[in-house]
Amino acid sequence: MSLDTVVEDIREEASARAEEIREAGDARADEIVSAAEDDADAILDAAETEVGREIDQLEEQRLSSAKLEAKQKRLEARRDVLGEVREQVERELVELDEGTREELTRTLLDAASVEFEAGDDVSVYGRGDDADLLESILGEYDGYEYAGEYDCLGGVVVESEQSRVRVNNTFDSLLEDVWEENLREISNRLFEQ
């Protein structure tokens, strides 16, 4: 065997080996590319899923926020309407006709009088515009005297130093009691659903 033949055999073997290595390299490169594409697809799917979840979460948060805001606006509107109704009731109490005002004032004074002993000096306060009415009524009560103005819609505040008792029978205090006791029913009637 000549040197040329040996060189030729080595070249052929080297070429064959190089071809095997190239094919193995190409196959490995194809595997790497395929794995990278699979990874990229998985990452893209995960990102799309995460973005979808975030979108759903944002939509849910916005919907919840919108519902809460709507509920708050409804409650504010209800409070406003209830406030207007209460103001209307207060206006009507201030504007009662004389006969009704006198009858209610007498009833409230009689109810307060049971708290005081005979012979007590009793001071009676009332709405400034009711001063004449109160003085007229108090003429019928022994030891009772109109003591001055009290900021209210009507009715009386009655007190005695001897008994150390003070009774607030104003329209305001009665309205407050009735309002609190019946607020749910008032609200239900106004906002029937």
C-alpha atoms as a PDB file:
ATOM      1  CA  MET A   1       0.000   0.000   0.000  1.00  0.00           C
ATOM      2  CA  SER A   2       1.318   3.177  -0.988  1.00  0.00           C
ATOM      3  CA  LEU A   3       1.336   6.374   0.913  1.00  0.00           C
ATOM      4  CA  ASP A   4      -1.101   7.874  -1.514  1.00  0.00           C
ATOM      5  CA  THR A   5      -3.555   5.107  -0.847  1.00  0.00           C
ATOM      6  CA  VAL A   6      -3.223   5.533   2.910  1.00  0.00           C
ATOM      7  CA  VAL A   7      -3.740   9.294   2.571  1.00  0.00           C
ATOM      8  CA  GLU A   8      -6.744   8.665   0.338  1.00  0.00           C
ATOM      9  CA  ASP A   9      -8.212   6.178   2.856  1.00  0.00           C
ATOM     10  CA  ILE A  10      -7.688   8.652   5.700  1.00  0.00           C
ATOM     11  CA  ARG A  11      -9.327  11.385   3.640  1.00  0.00           C
ATOM     12  CA  GLU A  12     -12.294   9.195   2.832  1.00  0.00           C
ATOM     13  CA  GLU A  13     -12.583   8.119   6.431  1.00  0.00           C
ATOM     14  CA  ALA A  14     -12.262  11.733   7.581  1.00  0.00           C
ATOM     15  CA  SER A  15     -14.867  12.800   5.028  1.00  0.00           C
ATOM     16  CA  ALA A  16     -17.211  10.037   6.156  1.00  0.00           C
ATOM     17  CA  ARG A  17     -16.591  10.920   9.788  1.00  0.00           C
ATOM     18  CA  ALA A  18     -17.117  14.621   9.023  1.00  0.00           C
ATOM     19  CA  GLU A  19     -20.382  13.745   7.242  1.00  0.00           C
ATOM     20  CA  GLU A  20     -21.515  11.736  10.291  1.00  0.00           C
ATOM     21  CA  ILE A  21     -20.603  14.599  12.584  1.00  0.00           C
ATOM     22  CA  ARG A  22     -22.416  17.084  10.301  1.00  0.00           C
ATOM     23  CA  GLU A  23     -25.500  14.868  10.189  1.00  0.00           C
ATOM     24  CA  ALA A  24     -25.359  14.375  13.963  1.00  0.00           C
ATOM     25  CA  GLY A  25     -24.874  18.142  14.351  1.00  0.00           C
ATOM     26  CA  ASP A  26     -27.803  18.851  12.021  1.00  0.00           C
ATOM     27  CA  ALA A  27     -29.956  16.341  13.895  1.00  0.00           C
ATOM     28  CA  ARG A  28     -28.927  17.895  17.247  1.00  0.00           C
ATOM     29  CA  ALA A  29     -29.547  21.365  15.854  1.00  0.00           C
ATOM     30  CA  ASP A  30     -32.999  20.255  14.679  1.00  0.00           C
ATOM     31  CA  GLU A  31     -33.680  18.851  18.177  1.00  0.00           C
ATOM     32  CA  ILE A  32     -32.533  22.092  19.806  1.00  0.00           C
ATOM     33  CA  VAL A  33     -34.622  24.198  17.405  1.00  0.00           C
ATOM     34  CA  SER A  34     -37.633  21.943  17.952  1.00  0.00           C
ATOM     35  CA  ALA A  35     -37.199  22.079  21.748  1.00  0.00           C
ATOM     36  CA  ALA A  36     -36.774  25.867  21.593  1.00  0.00           C
ATOM     37  CA  GLU A  37     -39.926  26.164  19.474  1.00  0.00           C
ATOM     38  CA  ASP A  38     -41.800  23.937  21.954  1.00  0.00           C
ATOM     39  CA  ASP A  39     -40.500  26.061  24.841  1.00  0.00           C
ATOM     40  CA  ALA A  40     -41.473  29.232  22.991  1.00  0.00           C
ATOM     41  CA  ASP A  41     -44.957  27.829  22.346  1.00  0.00           C
ATOM     42  CA  ALA A  42     -45.296  26.831  26.021  1.00  0.00           C
ATOM     43  CA  ILE A  43     -44.111  30.281  27.144  1.00  0.00           C
ATOM     44  CA  LEU A  44     -46.514  31.949  24.708  1.00  0.00           C
ATOM     45  CA  ASP A  45     -49.410  29.759  25.907  1.00  0.00           C
ATOM     46  CA  ALA A  46     -48.571  30.506  29.546  1.00  0.00           C
ATOM     47  CA  ALA A  47     -48.316  34.237  28.784  1.00  0.00           C
ATOM     48  CA  GLU A  48     -51.642  34.184  26.932  1.00  0.00           C
ATOM     49  CA  THR A  49     -53.250  32.314  29.833  1.00  0.00           C
ATOM     50  CA  GLU A  50     -51.795  34.770  32.350  1.00  0.00           C
ATOM     51  CA  VAL A  51     -52.897  37.764  30.278  1.00  0.00           C
ATOM     52  CA  GLY A  52     -56.383  36.234  29.995  1.00  0.00           C
ATOM     53  CA  ARG A  53     -56.495  35.680  33.750  1.00  0.00           C
ATOM     54  CA  GLU A  54     -55.354  39.261  34.398  1.00  0.00           C
ATOM     55  CA  ILE A  55     -57.976  40.593  31.973  1.00  0.00           C
ATOM     56  CA  ASP A  56     -60.673  38.530  33.698  1.00  0.00           C
ATOM     57  CA  GLN A  57     -59.484  39.756  37.081  1.00  0.00           C
ATOM     58  CA  LEU A  58     -59.465  43.401  35.921  1.00  0.00           C
ATOM     59  CA  GLU A  59     -62.946  43.022  34.453  1.00  0.00           C
ATOM     60  CA  GLU A  60     -64.167  41.476  37.711  1.00  0.00           C
ATOM     61  CA  GLN A  61     -62.572  44.259  39.757  1.00  0.00           C
ATOM     62  CA  ARG A  62     -64.073  46.947  37.527  1.00  0.00           C
ATOM     63  CA  LEU A  63     -67.474  45.274  37.652  1.00  0.00           C
ATOM     64  CA  SER A  64     -67.298  45.005  41.445  1.00  0.00           C
ATOM     65  CA  SER A  65     -66.189  48.616  41.669  1.00  0.00           C
ATOM     66  CA  ALA A  66     -69.001  49.735  39.382  1.00  0.00           C
ATOM     67  CA  LYS A  67     -71.558  47.745  41.410  1.00  0.00           C
ATOM     68  CA  LEU A  68     -70.260  49.255  44.651  1.00  0.00           C
ATOM     69  CA  GLU A  69     -70.350  52.759  43.202  1.00  0.00           C
ATOM     70  CA  ALA A  70     -73.910  52.205  41.941  1.00  0.00           C
ATOM     71  CA  LYS A  71     -74.952  50.905  45.359  1.00  0.00           C
ATOM     72  CA  GLN A  72     -73.400  53.930  47.063  1.00  0.00           C
ATOM     73  CA  LYS A  73     -75.198  56.285  44.682  1.00  0.00           C
ATOM     74  CA  ARG A  74     -78.504  54.502  45.356  1.00  0.00           C
ATOM     75  CA  LEU A  75     -77.920  54.820  49.107  1.00  0.00           C
ATOM     76  CA  GLU A  76     -77.049  58.506  48.748  1.00  0.00           C
ATOM     77  CA  ALA A  77     -80.178  59.071  46.683  1.00  0.00           C
ATOM     78  CA  ARG A  78     -82.264  57.262  49.305  1.00  0.00           C
ATOM     79  CA  ARG A  79     -80.691  59.334  52.097  1.00  0.00           C
ATOM     80  CA  ASP A  80     -81.447  62.493  50.127  1.00  0.00           C
ATOM     81  CA  VAL A  81     -85.073  61.469  49.603  1.00  0.00           C
ATOM     82  CA  LEU A  82     -85.462  60.506  53.266  1.00  0.00           C
ATOM     83  CA  GLY A  83     -83.944  63.867  54.238  1.00  0.00           C
ATOM     84  CA  GLU A  84     -86.397  65.675  51.979  1.00  0.00           C
ATOM     85  CA  VAL A  85     -89.319  63.733  53.463  1.00  0.00           C
ATOM     86  CA  ARG A  86     -88.159  64.588  56.974  1.00  0.00           C
ATOM     87  CA  GLU A  87     -87.780  68.268  56.061  1.00  0.00           C
ATOM     88  CA  GLN A  88     -91.303  68.214  54.608  1.00  0.00           C
ATOM     89  CA  VAL A  89     -92.655  66.717  57.844  1.00  0.00           C
ATOM     90  CA  GLU A  90     -90.827  69.391  59.852  1.00  0.00           C
ATOM     91  CA  ARG A  91     -92.268  72.142  57.613  1.00  0.00           C
ATOM     92  CA  GLU A  92     -95.760  70.721  58.083  1.00  0.00           C
ATOM     93  CA  LEU A  93     -95.288  70.656  61.860  1.00  0.00           C
ATOM     94  CA  VAL A  94     -94.223  74.312  61.844  1.00  0.00           C
ATOM     95  CA  GLU A  95     -97.200  75.226  59.657  1.00  0.00           C
ATOM     96  CA  LEU A  96     -99.890  73.408  61.708  1.00  0.00           C
ATOM     97  CA  ASP A  97    -103.145  75.325  61.994  1.00  0.00           C
ATOM     98  CA  GLU A  98    -103.773  77.053  65.338  1.00  0.00           C
ATOM     99  CA  GLY A  99    -106.394  74.588  66.556  1.00  0.00           C
ATOM    100  CA  THR A 100    -104.240  71.533  65.903  1.00  0.00           C
ATOM    101  CA  ARG A 101    -101.153  73.238  67.371  1.00  0.00           C
ATOM    102  CA  GLU A 102    -103.069  74.123  70.545  1.00  0.00           C
ATOM    103  CA  GLU A 103    -104.515  70.623  70.892  1.00  0.00           C
ATOM    104  CA  LEU A 104    -101.078  68.978  70.455  1.00  0.00           C
ATOM    105  CA  THR A 105     -99.405  71.459  72.816  1.00  0.00           C
ATOM    106  CA  ARG A 106    -102.033  70.782  75.529  1.00  0.00           C
ATOM    107  CA  THR A 107    -101.589  67.021  75.093  1.00  0.00           C
ATOM    108  CA  LEU A 108     -97.793  67.287  75.385  1.00  0.00           C
ATOM    109  CA  LEU A 109     -98.035  69.589  78.423  1.00  0.00           C
ATOM    110  CA  ASP A 110    -100.514  67.231  80.123  1.00  0.00           C
ATOM    111  CA  ALA A 111     -98.203  64.271  79.444  1.00  0.00           C
ATOM    112  CA  ALA A 112     -95.256  66.161  80.966  1.00  0.00           C
ATOM    113  CA  SER A 113     -97.243  67.362  83.995  1.00  0.00           C
ATOM    114  CA  VAL A 114     -97.546  63.885  85.494  1.00  0.00           C
ATOM    115  CA  GLU A 115     -93.798  64.028  86.224  1.00  0.00           C
ATOM    116  CA  PHE A 116     -94.164  66.946  88.674  1.00  0.00           C
ATOM    117  CA  GLU A 117     -95.464  67.178  92.241  1.00  0.00           C
ATOM    118  CA  ALA A 118     -98.318  69.466  93.186  1.00  0.00           C
ATOM    119  CA  GLY A 119     -96.919  72.757  94.385  1.00  0.00           C
ATOM    120  CA  ASP A 120     -93.760  72.582  92.279  1.00  0.00           C
ATOM    121  CA  ASP A 121     -92.750  75.727  90.480  1.00  0.00           C
ATOM    122  CA  VAL A 122     -92.681  74.533  86.900  1.00  0.00           C
ATOM    123  CA  SER A 123     -90.970  76.335  84.043  1.00  0.00           C
ATOM    124  CA  VAL A 124     -92.223  75.768  80.535  1.00  0.00           C
ATOM    125  CA  TYR A 125     -90.215  76.553  77.416  1.00  0.00           C
ATOM    126  CA  GLY A 126     -91.458  76.456  73.864  1.00  0.00           C
ATOM    127  CA  ARG A 127     -91.155  77.720  70.334  1.00  0.00           C
ATOM    128  CA  GLY A 128     -90.882  81.528  70.202  1.00  0.00           C
ATOM    129  CA  ASP A 129     -93.869  81.809  67.859  1.00  0.00           C
ATOM    130  CA  ASP A 130     -95.949  79.810  70.373  1.00  0.00           C
ATOM    131  CA  ALA A 131     -95.287  82.150  73.316  1.00  0.00           C
ATOM    132  CA  ASP A 132     -98.838  83.615  73.366  1.00  0.00           C
ATOM    133  CA  LEU A 133    -100.376  80.162  72.993  1.00  0.00           C
ATOM    134  CA  LEU A 134     -98.261  78.769  75.847  1.00  0.00           C
ATOM    135  CA  GLU A 135     -99.018  81.695  78.175  1.00  0.00           C
ATOM    136  CA  SER A 136    -102.714  81.253  77.446  1.00  0.00           C
ATOM    137  CA  ILE A 137    -102.623  77.524  78.186  1.00  0.00           C
ATOM    138  CA  LEU A 138    -100.391  77.888  81.265  1.00  0.00           C
ATOM    139  CA  GLY A 139    -103.008  80.145  82.900  1.00  0.00           C
ATOM    140  CA  GLU A 140    -104.940  76.928  83.508  1.00  0.00           C
ATOM    141  CA  TYR A 141    -102.045  75.269  85.414  1.00  0.00           C
ATOM    142  CA  ASP A 142    -101.147  76.168  89.016  1.00  0.00           C
ATOM    143  CA  GLY A 143     -97.462  76.966  89.507  1.00  0.00           C
ATOM    144  CA  TYR A 144     -96.633  76.739  85.766  1.00  0.00           C
ATOM    145  CA  GLU A 145     -94.961  79.677  84.084  1.00  0.00           C
ATOM    146  CA  TYR A 146     -93.730  80.384  80.550  1.00  0.00           C
ATOM    147  CA  ALA A 147     -89.947  80.629  80.980  1.00  0.00           C
ATOM    148  CA  GLY A 148     -88.832  81.486  77.484  1.00  0.00           C
ATOM    149  CA  GLU A 149     -88.007  80.358  74.031  1.00  0.00           C
ATOM    150  CA  TYR A 150     -86.701  76.903  73.144  1.00  0.00           C
ATOM    151  CA  ASP A 151     -85.419  76.198  69.631  1.00  0.00           C
ATOM    152  CA  CYS A 152     -87.906  73.620  68.392  1.00  0.00           C
ATOM    153  CA  LEU A 153     -90.733  72.998  65.935  1.00  0.00           C
ATOM    154  CA  GLY A 154     -93.340  73.178  68.679  1.00  0.00           C
ATOM    155  CA  GLY A 155     -94.366  71.433  71.860  1.00  0.00           C
ATOM    156  CA  VAL A 156     -92.881  72.036  75.286  1.00  0.00           C
ATOM    157  CA  VAL A 157     -89.855  71.521  77.490  1.00  0.00           C
ATOM    158  CA  VAL A 158     -90.976  71.411  81.111  1.00  0.00           C
ATOM    159  CA  GLU A 159     -88.740  71.489  84.182  1.00  0.00           C
ATOM    160  CA  SER A 160     -88.822  72.072  87.900  1.00  0.00           C
ATOM    161  CA  GLU A 161     -85.945  72.703  90.268  1.00  0.00           C
ATOM    162  CA  GLN A 162     -87.841  71.121  93.169  1.00  0.00           C
ATOM    163  CA  SER A 163     -88.377  67.830  91.336  1.00  0.00           C
ATOM    164  CA  ARG A 164     -85.078  68.063  89.442  1.00  0.00           C
ATOM    165  CA  VAL A 165     -86.923  66.763  86.429  1.00  0.00           C
ATOM    166  CA  ARG A 166     -86.845  67.983  82.866  1.00  0.00           C
ATOM    167  CA  VAL A 167     -89.257  66.628  80.249  1.00  0.00           C
ATOM    168  CA  ASN A 168     -88.657  67.282  76.570  1.00  0.00           C
ATOM    169  CA  ASN A 169     -92.017  66.924  74.845  1.00  0.00           C
ATOM    170  CA  THR A 170     -91.197  68.901  71.759  1.00  0.00           C
ATOM    171  CA  PHE A 171     -92.388  68.009  68.293  1.00  0.00           C
ATOM    172  CA  ASP A 172     -88.710  67.513  67.460  1.00  0.00           C
ATOM    173  CA  SER A 173     -88.106  64.867  70.124  1.00  0.00           C
ATOM    174  CA  LEU A 174     -91.327  63.031  69.247  1.00  0.00           C
ATOM    175  CA  LEU A 175     -90.515  63.198  65.534  1.00  0.00           C
ATOM    176  CA  GLU A 176     -87.036  61.813  66.244  1.00  0.00           C
ATOM    177  CA  ASP A 177     -88.493  58.884  68.202  1.00  0.00           C
ATOM    178  CA  VAL A 178     -91.140  58.115  65.588  1.00  0.00           C
ATOM    179  CA  TRP A 179     -88.636  58.558  62.761  1.00  0.00           C
ATOM    180  CA  GLU A 180     -86.110  56.149  64.294  1.00  0.00           C
ATOM    181  CA  GLU A 181     -88.753  53.566  65.181  1.00  0.00           C
ATOM    182  CA  ASN A 182     -90.328  53.662  61.722  1.00  0.00           C
ATOM    183  CA  LEU A 183     -87.379  54.459  59.452  1.00  0.00           C
ATOM    184  CA  ARG A 184     -87.307  50.974  57.937  1.00  0.00           C
ATOM    185  CA  GLU A 185     -91.032  51.062  57.172  1.00  0.00           C
ATOM    186  CA  ILE A 186     -90.780  54.601  55.776  1.00  0.00           C
ATOM    187  CA  SER A 187     -87.878  53.547  53.585  1.00  0.00           C
ATOM    188  CA  ASN A 188     -89.712  50.425  52.405  1.00  0.00           C
ATOM    189  CA  ARG A 189     -92.772  52.459  51.446  1.00  0.00           C
ATOM    190  CA  LEU A 190     -90.736  55.066  49.619  1.00  0.00           C
ATOM    191  CA  PHE A 191     -88.512  52.585  47.816  1.00  0.00           C
ATOM    192  CA  GLU A 192     -90.743  49.579  47.228  1.00  0.00           C
ATOM    193  CA  GLN A 193     -89.000  47.181  44.883  1.00  0.00           C
END
